[in-house]
Amino acid sequence: MIQEHYARSHHFDLRLEREGILVSWAVPKGMPTDAKKNRLAMRVDDHALSHLDLEDVTPVEGVPGAVKKSIWDRGTYTCEQFDEDMVIVALHGERLEGRYAIFRTGAKSWLVHLMKPPEEDRDQGH
């Protein structure tokens, strides 16, 4: 699932269910739609599965106004690789389809790369 999150800054949260938790990254500019442009992703704390349905406006101390979280996309994924430095998944969402690599570049810094646009998969009969 991907949540759209208005907090100190507008960003998206990519959350992948894994072994009973949601492994999570904040993706400031959203998931890439161009295979030539990677997007920054910051690894954040794992979240409980209850976040799968979380949409709310919650006051946050020190932040004027409120924080809005809404579900931007949801679906399933198939996993090719999932370890501490590299995640390769094919997302099958209501809005987003594609094969993505999420790879570590620092302690909490990662990049998200669109491996192959979905149209290329269809054109080749996959």
N, C-alpha and C. Protein backbone atom coordinates (compact mmCIF):
# COMPACT_ATOMS: atom_id res chain seq x y z
N MET A 1 0.83 -1.18 0.00
CA MET A 1 0.00 0.00 0.00
C MET A 1 0.87 1.23 0.00
N ILE A 2 0.31 2.29 -0.54
CA ILE A 2 0.99 3.57 -0.55
C ILE A 2 0.04 4.60 0.07
N GLN A 3 0.53 5.28 1.10
CA GLN A 3 -0.24 6.33 1.73
C GLN A 3 0.30 7.68 1.26
N GLU A 4 -0.59 8.63 1.02
CA GLU A 4 -0.19 10.00 0.79
C GLU A 4 -0.23 10.68 2.15
N HIS A 5 0.83 11.39 2.48
CA HIS A 5 1.00 11.87 3.84
C HIS A 5 1.40 13.34 3.82
N TYR A 6 0.58 14.16 4.44
CA TYR A 6 0.89 15.57 4.62
C TYR A 6 1.35 15.75 6.06
N ALA A 7 2.63 15.99 6.24
CA ALA A 7 3.17 16.21 7.58
C ALA A 7 4.04 17.45 7.51
N ARG A 8 5.23 17.38 8.05
CA ARG A 8 6.16 18.52 7.91
C ARG A 8 6.42 18.80 6.44
N SER A 9 6.34 17.76 5.64
CA SER A 9 6.43 17.90 4.18
C SER A 9 5.51 16.86 3.54
N HIS A 10 5.05 17.15 2.35
CA HIS A 10 4.20 16.22 1.62
C HIS A 10 5.08 15.09 1.09
N HIS A 11 4.66 13.85 1.30
CA HIS A 11 5.39 12.70 0.79
C HIS A 11 4.44 11.50 0.71
N PHE A 12 4.98 10.41 0.21
CA PHE A 12 4.23 9.17 0.11
C PHE A 12 4.95 8.13 0.96
N ASP A 13 4.19 7.23 1.56
CA ASP A 13 4.75 6.14 2.35
C ASP A 13 4.47 4.83 1.64
N LEU A 14 5.53 4.15 1.22
CA LEU A 14 5.41 2.82 0.63
C LEU A 14 5.49 1.82 1.77
N ARG A 15 4.50 0.95 1.86
CA ARG A 15 4.46 -0.03 2.94
C ARG A 15 4.22 -1.42 2.34
N LEU A 16 5.16 -2.31 2.59
CA LEU A 16 5.07 -3.69 2.09
C LEU A 16 4.91 -4.64 3.27
N GLU A 17 3.85 -5.44 3.22
CA GLU A 17 3.62 -6.41 4.29
C GLU A 17 4.67 -7.52 4.19
N ARG A 18 5.33 -7.77 5.32
CA ARG A 18 6.38 -8.78 5.35
C ARG A 18 6.45 -9.36 6.75
N GLU A 19 6.20 -10.65 6.88
CA GLU A 19 6.30 -11.36 8.15
C GLU A 19 5.51 -10.69 9.28
N GLY A 20 4.30 -10.26 8.97
CA GLY A 20 3.39 -9.73 9.98
C GLY A 20 3.57 -8.26 10.32
N ILE A 21 4.41 -7.55 9.57
CA ILE A 21 4.59 -6.11 9.78
C ILE A 21 4.57 -5.41 8.42
N LEU A 22 4.53 -4.08 8.46
CA LEU A 22 4.63 -3.29 7.25
C LEU A 22 6.01 -2.65 7.22
N VAL A 23 6.87 -3.14 6.34
CA VAL A 23 8.18 -2.55 6.12
C VAL A 23 7.92 -1.27 5.33
N SER A 24 8.51 -0.13 5.78
CA SER A 24 8.06 1.17 5.28
C SER A 24 9.20 2.08 4.84
N TRP A 25 8.93 2.83 3.78
CA TRP A 25 9.82 3.87 3.28
C TRP A 25 8.99 5.13 3.02
N ALA A 26 9.54 6.29 3.37
CA ALA A 26 8.96 7.57 2.97
C ALA A 26 9.58 7.93 1.62
N VAL A 27 8.74 8.20 0.64
CA VAL A 27 9.19 8.52 -0.72
C VAL A 27 8.72 9.95 -1.02
N PRO A 28 9.63 10.94 -0.85
CA PRO A 28 9.21 12.34 -0.93
C PRO A 28 8.49 12.73 -2.22
N LYS A 29 8.93 12.25 -3.35
CA LYS A 29 8.32 12.67 -4.62
C LYS A 29 7.44 11.58 -5.23
N GLY A 30 7.12 10.55 -4.48
CA GLY A 30 6.29 9.48 -5.00
C GLY A 30 7.09 8.47 -5.80
N MET A 31 6.45 7.39 -6.15
CA MET A 31 7.11 6.32 -6.88
C MET A 31 7.46 6.76 -8.29
N PRO A 32 8.61 6.33 -8.80
CA PRO A 32 8.99 6.74 -10.15
C PRO A 32 8.07 6.13 -11.20
N THR A 33 7.82 6.92 -12.24
CA THR A 33 7.03 6.44 -13.38
C THR A 33 7.88 6.41 -14.64
N ASP A 34 9.15 6.79 -14.51
CA ASP A 34 10.10 6.81 -15.62
C ASP A 34 11.30 5.97 -15.20
N ALA A 35 11.63 4.95 -15.99
CA ALA A 35 12.74 4.06 -15.66
C ALA A 35 14.09 4.77 -15.66
N LYS A 36 14.15 5.97 -16.20
CA LYS A 36 15.41 6.72 -16.25
C LYS A 36 15.61 7.62 -15.04
N LYS A 37 14.60 7.71 -14.17
CA LYS A 37 14.68 8.61 -13.02
C LYS A 37 14.38 7.87 -11.73
N ASN A 38 15.39 7.70 -10.89
CA ASN A 38 15.21 7.09 -9.58
C ASN A 38 14.64 8.11 -8.62
N ARG A 39 14.01 7.62 -7.57
CA ARG A 39 13.45 8.50 -6.54
C ARG A 39 14.04 8.13 -5.19
N LEU A 40 14.32 9.15 -4.37
CA LEU A 40 14.80 8.97 -3.02
C LEU A 40 13.72 8.29 -2.18
N ALA A 41 14.16 7.38 -1.31
CA ALA A 41 13.27 6.75 -0.33
C ALA A 41 14.03 6.69 0.99
N MET A 42 13.37 7.07 2.05
CA MET A 42 13.99 7.03 3.38
C MET A 42 13.34 5.91 4.18
N ARG A 43 14.15 4.98 4.65
CA ARG A 43 13.63 3.88 5.46
C ARG A 43 13.14 4.45 6.78
N VAL A 44 11.90 4.13 7.13
CA VAL A 44 11.30 4.57 8.38
C VAL A 44 10.94 3.35 9.21
N ASP A 45 10.48 3.58 10.42
CA ASP A 45 10.13 2.47 11.31
C ASP A 45 9.07 1.58 10.67
N ASP A 46 9.17 0.28 10.99
CA ASP A 46 8.13 -0.65 10.58
C ASP A 46 6.82 -0.24 11.24
N HIS A 47 5.70 -0.56 10.59
CA HIS A 47 4.38 -0.20 11.12
C HIS A 47 3.56 -1.47 11.31
N ALA A 48 2.59 -1.37 12.20
CA ALA A 48 1.66 -2.48 12.44
C ALA A 48 0.73 -2.64 11.24
N LEU A 49 0.20 -3.83 11.07
CA LEU A 49 -0.73 -4.09 9.96
C LEU A 49 -1.97 -3.22 10.03
N SER A 50 -2.28 -2.66 11.20
CA SER A 50 -3.45 -1.79 11.32
C SER A 50 -3.32 -0.54 10.44
N HIS A 51 -2.11 -0.21 10.01
CA HIS A 51 -1.92 0.94 9.11
C HIS A 51 -2.44 0.68 7.70
N LEU A 52 -2.77 -0.57 7.38
CA LEU A 52 -3.27 -0.90 6.04
C LEU A 52 -4.55 -0.14 5.72
N ASP A 53 -5.33 0.17 6.72
CA ASP A 53 -6.60 0.86 6.50
C ASP A 53 -6.61 2.26 7.09
N LEU A 54 -5.44 2.80 7.44
CA LEU A 54 -5.37 4.07 8.14
C LEU A 54 -5.53 5.25 7.20
N GLU A 55 -6.57 6.01 7.43
CA GLU A 55 -6.78 7.29 6.78
C GLU A 55 -7.30 8.21 7.88
N ASP A 56 -6.57 9.30 8.12
CA ASP A 56 -7.03 10.17 9.21
C ASP A 56 -6.39 11.54 9.12
N VAL A 57 -6.88 12.39 9.99
CA VAL A 57 -6.27 13.69 10.22
C VAL A 57 -5.96 13.72 11.70
N THR A 58 -4.67 13.73 12.03
CA THR A 58 -4.24 13.63 13.41
C THR A 58 -3.40 14.84 13.79
N PRO A 59 -3.74 15.55 14.85
CA PRO A 59 -2.88 16.65 15.29
C PRO A 59 -1.51 16.12 15.70
N VAL A 60 -0.47 16.88 15.37
CA VAL A 60 0.89 16.49 15.73
C VAL A 60 1.54 17.66 16.46
N GLU A 61 2.09 17.38 17.62
CA GLU A 61 2.73 18.42 18.42
C GLU A 61 3.88 19.06 17.63
N GLY A 62 3.90 20.37 17.60
CA GLY A 62 4.96 21.08 16.90
C GLY A 62 4.72 21.32 15.43
N VAL A 63 3.62 20.78 14.89
CA VAL A 63 3.29 20.99 13.48
C VAL A 63 1.97 21.74 13.41
N PRO A 64 1.98 22.95 12.86
CA PRO A 64 0.73 23.70 12.77
C PRO A 64 -0.30 22.94 11.94
N GLY A 65 -1.55 23.03 12.33
CA GLY A 65 -2.60 22.35 11.58
C GLY A 65 -2.66 20.87 11.93
N ALA A 66 -2.91 20.06 10.93
CA ALA A 66 -3.06 18.63 11.16
C ALA A 66 -2.25 17.85 10.14
N VAL A 67 -2.09 16.59 10.40
CA VAL A 67 -1.41 15.69 9.49
C VAL A 67 -2.46 14.80 8.84
N LYS A 68 -2.50 14.81 7.54
CA LYS A 68 -3.49 14.00 6.82
C LYS A 68 -2.80 12.80 6.21
N LYS A 69 -3.37 11.63 6.42
CA LYS A 69 -2.91 10.40 5.79
C LYS A 69 -4.08 9.82 5.02
N SER A 70 -3.86 9.53 3.75
CA SER A 70 -4.90 8.87 2.97
C SER A 70 -4.27 7.75 2.16
N ILE A 71 -5.06 6.78 1.84
CA ILE A 71 -4.58 5.66 1.04
C ILE A 71 -4.56 6.09 -0.42
N TRP A 72 -3.37 6.15 -1.00
CA TRP A 72 -3.21 6.56 -2.39
C TRP A 72 -3.35 5.35 -3.33
N ASP A 73 -2.87 4.19 -2.88
CA ASP A 73 -2.97 2.97 -3.68
C ASP A 73 -2.87 1.77 -2.75
N ARG A 74 -3.49 0.70 -3.17
CA ARG A 74 -3.37 -0.57 -2.45
C ARG A 74 -3.44 -1.70 -3.45
N GLY A 75 -2.92 -2.82 -3.07
CA GLY A 75 -2.92 -3.98 -3.95
C GLY A 75 -2.05 -5.07 -3.37
N THR A 76 -1.45 -5.84 -4.25
CA THR A 76 -0.58 -6.93 -3.84
C THR A 76 0.79 -6.73 -4.49
N TYR A 77 1.73 -7.55 -4.08
CA TYR A 77 3.03 -7.54 -4.73
C TYR A 77 3.59 -8.94 -4.77
N THR A 78 4.43 -9.18 -5.77
CA THR A 78 5.21 -10.41 -5.81
C THR A 78 6.65 -10.02 -5.55
N CYS A 79 7.34 -10.87 -4.82
CA CYS A 79 8.68 -10.55 -4.34
C CYS A 79 9.72 -11.41 -5.05
N GLU A 80 10.74 -10.76 -5.59
CA GLU A 80 11.88 -11.48 -6.17
C GLU A 80 13.05 -11.52 -5.19
N GLN A 81 13.23 -10.44 -4.44
CA GLN A 81 14.34 -10.35 -3.49
C GLN A 81 13.93 -9.42 -2.37
N PHE A 82 14.28 -9.78 -1.13
CA PHE A 82 13.95 -8.93 0.00
C PHE A 82 15.00 -9.16 1.07
N ASP A 83 16.03 -8.31 1.08
CA ASP A 83 17.04 -8.41 2.12
C ASP A 83 17.39 -7.02 2.62
N GLU A 84 18.40 -6.92 3.47
CA GLU A 84 18.67 -5.65 4.15
C GLU A 84 19.20 -4.56 3.23
N ASP A 85 19.64 -4.89 2.02
CA ASP A 85 20.18 -3.89 1.10
C ASP A 85 19.42 -3.75 -0.21
N MET A 86 18.56 -4.70 -0.54
CA MET A 86 17.88 -4.68 -1.84
C MET A 86 16.53 -5.35 -1.73
N VAL A 87 15.53 -4.69 -2.31
CA VAL A 87 14.19 -5.25 -2.41
C VAL A 87 13.79 -5.14 -3.88
N ILE A 88 13.36 -6.26 -4.46
CA ILE A 88 12.84 -6.24 -5.83
C ILE A 88 11.44 -6.83 -5.78
N VAL A 89 10.46 -6.01 -6.20
CA VAL A 89 9.06 -6.43 -6.15
C VAL A 89 8.35 -5.98 -7.43
N ALA A 90 7.32 -6.72 -7.76
CA ALA A 90 6.38 -6.29 -8.80
C ALA A 90 5.11 -5.87 -8.08
N LEU A 91 4.75 -4.59 -8.23
CA LEU A 91 3.56 -4.06 -7.57
C LEU A 91 2.35 -4.23 -8.49
N HIS A 92 1.24 -4.68 -7.89
CA HIS A 92 -0.01 -4.88 -8.61
C HIS A 92 -1.09 -4.09 -7.87
N GLY A 93 -1.08 -2.78 -8.06
CA GLY A 93 -1.99 -1.92 -7.33
C GLY A 93 -3.17 -1.49 -8.17
N GLU A 94 -4.07 -0.78 -7.54
CA GLU A 94 -5.22 -0.21 -8.24
C GLU A 94 -4.78 0.93 -9.15
N ARG A 95 -3.72 1.66 -8.76
CA ARG A 95 -3.21 2.79 -9.55
C ARG A 95 -1.82 2.54 -10.12
N LEU A 96 -1.04 1.73 -9.45
CA LEU A 96 0.37 1.57 -9.80
C LEU A 96 0.68 0.12 -10.13
N GLU A 97 1.28 -0.10 -11.28
CA GLU A 97 1.74 -1.43 -11.71
C GLU A 97 3.18 -1.29 -12.13
N GLY A 98 4.00 -2.24 -11.78
CA GLY A 98 5.37 -2.21 -12.27
C GLY A 98 6.31 -2.99 -11.38
N ARG A 99 7.48 -3.22 -11.92
CA ARG A 99 8.54 -3.94 -11.22
C ARG A 99 9.54 -2.90 -10.72
N TYR A 100 9.80 -2.92 -9.42
CA TYR A 100 10.64 -1.91 -8.78
C TYR A 100 11.77 -2.54 -8.00
N ALA A 101 12.93 -1.87 -8.03
CA ALA A 101 14.04 -2.20 -7.15
C ALA A 101 14.16 -1.05 -6.16
N ILE A 102 14.28 -1.41 -4.90
CA ILE A 102 14.49 -0.44 -3.83
C ILE A 102 15.82 -0.84 -3.21
N PHE A 103 16.81 0.04 -3.31
CA PHE A 103 18.14 -0.36 -2.87
C PHE A 103 18.77 0.70 -1.97
N ARG A 104 19.53 0.18 -1.00
CA ARG A 104 20.15 1.02 0.03
C ARG A 104 21.31 1.81 -0.56
N THR A 105 21.38 3.10 -0.17
CA THR A 105 22.50 3.94 -0.55
C THR A 105 23.20 4.54 0.67
N GLY A 106 22.60 4.36 1.85
CA GLY A 106 23.17 4.89 3.10
C GLY A 106 22.48 4.22 4.28
N ALA A 107 22.70 4.76 5.48
CA ALA A 107 22.12 4.16 6.68
C ALA A 107 20.61 4.03 6.60
N LYS A 108 19.93 5.11 6.22
CA LYS A 108 18.47 5.09 6.06
C LYS A 108 18.06 5.51 4.65
N SER A 109 19.03 5.89 3.82
CA SER A 109 18.74 6.36 2.46
C SER A 109 18.69 5.20 1.48
N TRP A 110 17.66 5.24 0.66
CA TRP A 110 17.47 4.23 -0.37
C TRP A 110 17.07 4.96 -1.66
N LEU A 111 17.12 4.27 -2.76
CA LEU A 111 16.58 4.76 -4.02
C LEU A 111 15.56 3.77 -4.52
N VAL A 112 14.51 4.27 -5.17
CA VAL A 112 13.50 3.43 -5.82
C VAL A 112 13.72 3.57 -7.32
N HIS A 113 13.80 2.43 -8.00
CA HIS A 113 14.03 2.41 -9.44
C HIS A 113 12.93 1.59 -10.11
N LEU A 114 12.28 2.18 -11.11
CA LEU A 114 11.31 1.45 -11.93
C LEU A 114 12.10 0.59 -12.90
N MET A 115 12.00 -0.72 -12.77
CA MET A 115 12.84 -1.62 -13.55
C MET A 115 12.36 -1.78 -14.98
N LYS A 116 11.06 -1.87 -15.15
CA LYS A 116 10.50 -2.02 -16.49
C LYS A 116 9.08 -1.52 -16.46
N PRO A 117 8.76 -0.51 -17.28
CA PRO A 117 7.37 -0.04 -17.29
C PRO A 117 6.41 -1.16 -17.66
N PRO A 118 5.19 -1.16 -17.10
CA PRO A 118 4.23 -2.23 -17.36
C PRO A 118 3.90 -2.41 -18.84
N GLU A 119 3.92 -1.32 -19.63
CA GLU A 119 3.59 -1.43 -21.06
C GLU A 119 4.60 -2.33 -21.78
N GLU A 120 5.87 -2.29 -21.36
CA GLU A 120 6.89 -3.13 -21.98
C GLU A 120 6.60 -4.60 -21.71
N ASP A 121 6.13 -4.91 -20.49
CA ASP A 121 5.77 -6.29 -20.17
C ASP A 121 4.64 -6.77 -21.07
N ARG A 122 3.60 -5.95 -21.25
CA ARG A 122 2.45 -6.35 -22.07
C ARG A 122 2.85 -6.52 -23.53
N ASP A 123 3.70 -5.60 -24.03
CA ASP A 123 4.11 -5.66 -25.42
C ASP A 123 4.87 -6.94 -25.74
N GLN A 124 5.56 -7.49 -24.73
CA GLN A 124 6.35 -8.69 -24.95
C GLN A 124 5.57 -9.95 -24.58
N GLY A 125 4.30 -9.80 -24.23
CA GLY A 125 3.44 -10.94 -23.93
C GLY A 125 3.72 -11.58 -22.59
N HIS A 126 4.26 -10.83 -21.63
CA HIS A 126 4.54 -11.38 -20.29
C HIS A 126 3.39 -11.09 -19.37
